[in-house]
Structure formats: C-alpha cells, structure tokens
Amino acid sequence: MDSTGAAGLVNVVDIEATCWAGSPPPGEVSEIIEIGLTVVDPAAGERLARHRILVRPARSAVSGFCTELTGLTQAEVDRGVTFAEACRLLAAEHRAGARPWASWGDYDRHQFTRQCQATRTPYPFNRRHTNAKAAFTEAYGLRKRPGMARALEIAGLPLEGRHHRGEDDAWNIASLVLHLCARGEWPAPMEHLVRKG
C-alpha cells in the first residue's frame, strides 16, 4: 500500500470560519462556517470531485469583515448544517476517517481539533495529515512559507474561483498537491495524535 492509502485517493480540505477585524465580540468564538473538500487521485494526476458543506455557527455570527473576506453571509450559513452534522457527513460521505487528507498549513487541522473538543463532537478525520504549505516550501527551497495564492504564482498555476472561499481554495490547493506529486515531492502523510472530543 502506498502513502496515500488503499484507494490512493486524498481529501484536500479548506475551511472558512467566523472572523473579525480585531478580537471576537464578547462571548463569541471562531467557528467553521464552510468546509471545502476536493478529492484528488495523485497517481492519475486528477482532481476527481469538489464538495462544499455550509455550517451554521452556534456561538458566533458572521461579521461584515468576514463577509468581505469570504463572500459568506449570515443568511447563507444559517441554511447550513450543524457542526456535528458536517463532521458526520465528512465521515460518512467523504471517507474522512479512511483517506489521508491535506490542508494548506495546520490551521484547518487545529480548528477542527479545537471545535470537536469544545462541542464533544467525534473528530471526523484520521491522523494521516499532510501540511501542503510545508511540503511546497520544502520542495521549492523557500525561506518563508507562502500563502496559497503566492504558491500558485510560483508554480505557474492559475488561481481558480474566489480566494478565501473554502470550496475554491480546496480546489486550488488540490492543484498544488498534484503539482508536487508530479514533481515527485509529495511526502508521506504525518501521523498526528488526536484527542477525542
């Protein structure tokens, strides 16, 4: 079995969360409001599918700053599923517990860990995670870890869709993952210990 698992597929995940220009308002915490997921087949060099799960926040509201950044509005995320249901969907429909997964940096992994612990929700992913930002930085011998948009420029790839929209960012990160695979520089996923919520 190769480093990408039995079927060889990898889930590339990008989240958007409630955010503010400064500190959160009293009593509010940053919560996931969109999960973008692109399925990639590294062996075939293809992005197979793209998915989007909108998540209704329970302990925060979408600020004007957040809408400006992501394009997401309170009315839109109000039509989303609960965080627990989103995690159930990831596990049941997107094989999150079986497939290795990747994100741009470790923010997404840490946010899921925090929110699962805070809400006592079973963590949907397995422990085989790859920090695509770190892998890209190493592959190109860069001193600083670039943002996703800058990495696309360096790799000579187009930015498709809207930056800071989870579905589009996952699609673009998947393009970078396949770019590294084609160069033979996609690492085996790291095993991370996850405290169960």
Protein backbone atom coordinates (compact mmCIF):
# COMPACT_ATOMS: atom_id res chain seq x y z
CA MET A 1 0.00 0.00 0.00
CA ASP A 2 1.35 3.42 -0.91
CA SER A 3 1.39 6.51 1.32
CA THR A 4 -1.98 7.69 0.01
CA GLY A 5 -3.93 4.70 1.32
CA ALA A 6 -5.66 1.70 -0.19
CA ALA A 7 -7.57 3.51 -2.91
CA GLY A 8 -4.78 6.03 -3.41
CA LEU A 9 -7.14 9.00 -3.03
CA VAL A 10 -6.51 12.07 -0.88
CA ASN A 11 -9.04 14.56 0.53
CA VAL A 12 -7.86 18.17 0.26
CA VAL A 13 -9.70 20.31 2.80
CA ASP A 14 -10.03 24.05 3.30
CA ILE A 15 -12.27 25.74 5.85
CA GLU A 16 -13.59 29.24 6.39
CA ALA A 17 -14.50 30.34 9.91
CA THR A 18 -16.18 33.30 11.56
CA CYS A 19 -13.64 36.09 11.92
CA TRP A 20 -13.35 39.75 12.85
CA ALA A 21 -11.07 42.68 12.07
CA GLY A 22 -9.98 42.63 15.72
CA SER A 23 -10.85 40.48 18.72
CA PRO A 24 -14.10 38.47 18.70
CA PRO A 25 -17.08 40.21 20.33
CA PRO A 26 -17.67 39.17 23.96
CA GLY A 27 -18.97 35.62 24.20
CA GLU A 28 -18.19 34.74 20.57
CA VAL A 29 -15.58 32.27 19.31
CA SER A 30 -14.29 31.49 15.84
CA GLU A 31 -16.33 28.64 14.30
CA ILE A 32 -16.20 26.80 10.99
CA ILE A 33 -18.83 28.08 8.54
CA GLU A 34 -17.69 26.44 5.30
CA ILE A 35 -15.83 23.22 4.52
CA GLY A 36 -14.42 22.86 1.02
CA LEU A 37 -13.24 19.40 0.00
CA THR A 38 -11.61 18.27 -3.23
CA VAL A 39 -10.83 14.60 -3.87
CA VAL A 40 -7.56 14.03 -5.72
CA ASP A 41 -6.04 10.96 -7.33
CA PRO A 42 -2.27 11.55 -7.14
CA ALA A 43 -1.46 8.55 -9.35
CA ALA A 44 -3.72 9.78 -12.17
CA GLY A 45 -2.85 13.44 -11.53
CA GLU A 46 -6.52 14.41 -11.40
CA ARG A 47 -8.96 16.33 -9.24
CA LEU A 48 -11.94 13.98 -9.16
CA ALA A 49 -14.63 15.85 -7.26
CA ARG A 50 -15.31 19.05 -5.37
CA HIS A 51 -17.67 19.42 -2.44
CA ARG A 52 -18.93 22.16 -0.18
CA ILE A 53 -20.55 21.91 3.23
CA LEU A 54 -22.04 25.07 4.74
CA VAL A 55 -22.03 25.04 8.54
CA ARG A 56 -24.36 27.03 10.79
CA PRO A 57 -22.39 28.67 13.63
CA ALA A 58 -23.77 28.20 17.14
CA ARG A 59 -21.61 30.57 19.20
CA SER A 60 -20.79 33.38 16.78
CA ALA A 61 -22.20 35.50 13.97
CA VAL A 62 -20.80 36.33 10.54
CA SER A 63 -19.28 39.82 10.74
CA GLY A 64 -19.13 42.35 7.93
CA PHE A 65 -15.37 41.77 7.85
CA CYS A 66 -15.94 38.03 7.42
CA THR A 67 -18.43 38.58 4.58
CA GLU A 68 -15.99 40.92 2.83
CA LEU A 69 -13.22 38.32 3.12
CA THR A 70 -15.14 35.14 2.25
CA GLY A 71 -18.28 36.32 0.49
CA LEU A 72 -20.31 34.30 3.01
CA THR A 73 -23.28 35.97 4.70
CA GLN A 74 -25.16 35.15 7.89
CA ALA A 75 -28.29 34.35 5.84
CA GLU A 76 -26.30 31.87 3.74
CA VAL A 77 -24.68 30.00 6.64
CA ASP A 78 -28.00 29.97 8.54
CA ARG A 79 -29.14 27.50 5.86
CA GLY A 80 -26.15 25.24 6.64
CA VAL A 81 -25.97 22.12 8.78
CA THR A 82 -24.79 21.93 12.38
CA PHE A 83 -21.09 21.34 13.01
CA ALA A 84 -21.85 17.83 14.32
CA GLU A 85 -23.80 17.02 11.15
CA ALA A 86 -20.95 18.41 8.99
CA CYS A 87 -18.49 16.09 10.76
CA ARG A 88 -20.88 13.17 10.27
CA LEU A 89 -21.11 13.98 6.54
CA LEU A 90 -17.32 14.14 6.24
CA ALA A 91 -17.01 10.69 7.78
CA ALA A 92 -19.99 9.04 6.08
CA GLU A 93 -19.96 10.58 2.59
CA HIS A 94 -16.37 11.70 2.09
CA ARG A 95 -14.47 8.85 3.80
CA ALA A 96 -12.66 11.34 6.05
CA GLY A 97 -11.76 8.62 8.52
CA ALA A 98 -10.26 6.37 5.84
CA ARG A 99 -8.46 8.67 3.42
CA PRO A 100 -5.30 10.66 4.12
CA TRP A 101 -6.01 14.38 3.96
CA ALA A 102 -4.17 17.60 3.32
CA SER A 103 -4.65 21.30 4.01
CA TRP A 104 -2.66 24.48 3.40
CA GLY A 105 -0.92 24.86 6.75
CA ASP A 106 -2.08 23.40 10.06
CA TYR A 107 -4.82 25.93 10.84
CA ASP A 108 -7.63 23.74 9.45
CA ARG A 109 -6.49 20.66 11.41
CA HIS A 110 -6.15 22.66 14.65
CA GLN A 111 -9.53 24.37 14.19
CA PHE A 112 -11.27 21.01 13.72
CA THR A 113 -9.49 19.62 16.80
CA ARG A 114 -10.47 22.65 18.92
CA GLN A 115 -14.08 22.74 17.76
CA CYS A 116 -14.58 18.97 18.14
CA GLN A 117 -13.24 19.15 21.69
CA ALA A 118 -15.37 22.20 22.56
CA THR A 119 -18.56 20.64 21.21
CA ARG A 120 -17.82 17.00 22.16
CA THR A 121 -18.14 16.01 18.51
CA PRO A 122 -16.28 12.94 17.21
CA TYR A 123 -13.26 14.03 15.17
CA PRO A 124 -14.07 13.11 11.53
CA PHE A 125 -10.58 12.70 10.08
CA ASN A 126 -7.90 10.10 10.54
CA ARG A 127 -4.43 11.02 11.77
CA ARG A 128 -2.72 10.93 8.37
CA HIS A 129 -2.44 14.61 7.50
CA THR A 130 -0.08 16.47 5.19
CA ASN A 131 0.67 20.16 5.60
CA ALA A 132 0.74 21.10 1.91
CA LYS A 133 2.23 24.53 2.69
CA ALA A 134 5.23 22.95 4.44
CA ALA A 135 5.64 20.41 1.62
CA PHE A 136 5.58 23.15 -1.02
CA THR A 137 8.04 25.31 0.93
CA GLU A 138 10.47 22.42 1.20
CA ALA A 139 10.07 21.37 -2.44
CA TYR A 140 10.94 24.87 -3.64
CA GLY A 141 13.61 25.57 -1.02
CA LEU A 142 11.85 28.72 0.17
CA ARG A 143 12.82 30.57 3.34
CA LYS A 144 9.25 31.66 4.13
CA ARG A 145 6.08 29.62 3.80
CA PRO A 146 3.94 31.25 1.08
CA GLY A 147 0.21 31.78 1.10
CA MET A 148 -1.78 29.70 -1.33
CA ALA A 149 -2.17 32.44 -3.94
CA ARG A 150 1.58 33.12 -3.92
CA ALA A 151 2.33 29.39 -4.20
CA LEU A 152 0.14 29.17 -7.30
CA GLU A 153 2.15 32.05 -8.83
CA ILE A 154 5.45 30.32 -8.00
CA ALA A 155 4.19 27.07 -9.53
CA GLY A 156 2.84 28.84 -12.62
CA LEU A 157 -0.72 27.70 -11.90
CA PRO A 158 -3.93 29.78 -12.19
CA LEU A 159 -5.99 30.81 -9.19
CA GLU A 160 -9.46 29.48 -9.98
CA GLY A 161 -12.57 30.96 -8.37
CA ARG A 162 -12.58 33.22 -5.32
CA HIS A 163 -9.73 33.25 -2.80
CA HIS A 164 -10.95 32.74 0.82
CA ARG A 165 -13.90 30.67 -0.33
CA GLY A 166 -13.45 27.17 1.09
CA GLU A 167 -14.68 25.26 -1.95
CA ASP A 168 -12.48 27.22 -4.36
CA ASP A 169 -9.43 27.22 -2.07
CA ALA A 170 -9.62 23.43 -1.67
CA TRP A 171 -9.77 23.13 -5.47
CA ASN A 172 -6.69 25.34 -5.86
CA ILE A 173 -4.75 23.61 -3.05
CA ALA A 174 -5.54 20.30 -4.80
CA SER A 175 -3.88 21.70 -7.91
CA LEU A 176 -0.75 22.42 -5.85
CA VAL A 177 -0.85 18.93 -4.31
CA LEU A 178 -0.94 17.36 -7.78
CA HIS A 179 1.86 19.70 -8.89
CA LEU A 180 4.05 18.40 -6.04
CA CYS A 181 3.05 14.80 -6.85
CA ALA A 182 4.11 15.32 -10.47
CA ARG A 183 7.49 16.59 -9.24
CA GLY A 184 7.83 13.53 -7.01
CA GLU A 185 7.86 15.79 -3.93
CA TRP A 186 4.61 14.93 -2.16
CA PRO A 187 5.58 13.50 1.25
CA ALA A 188 4.02 10.62 3.12
CA PRO A 189 1.34 11.95 5.48
CA MET A 190 2.35 12.64 9.08
CA GLU A 191 0.57 10.77 11.87
CA HIS A 192 -0.99 13.21 14.35
CA LEU A 193 -2.34 12.26 17.73
CA VAL A 194 -5.88 13.49 18.13
CA ARG A 195 -7.60 13.78 21.48
CA LYS A 196 -11.12 12.50 21.10
CA GLY A 197 -13.84 15.06 21.90
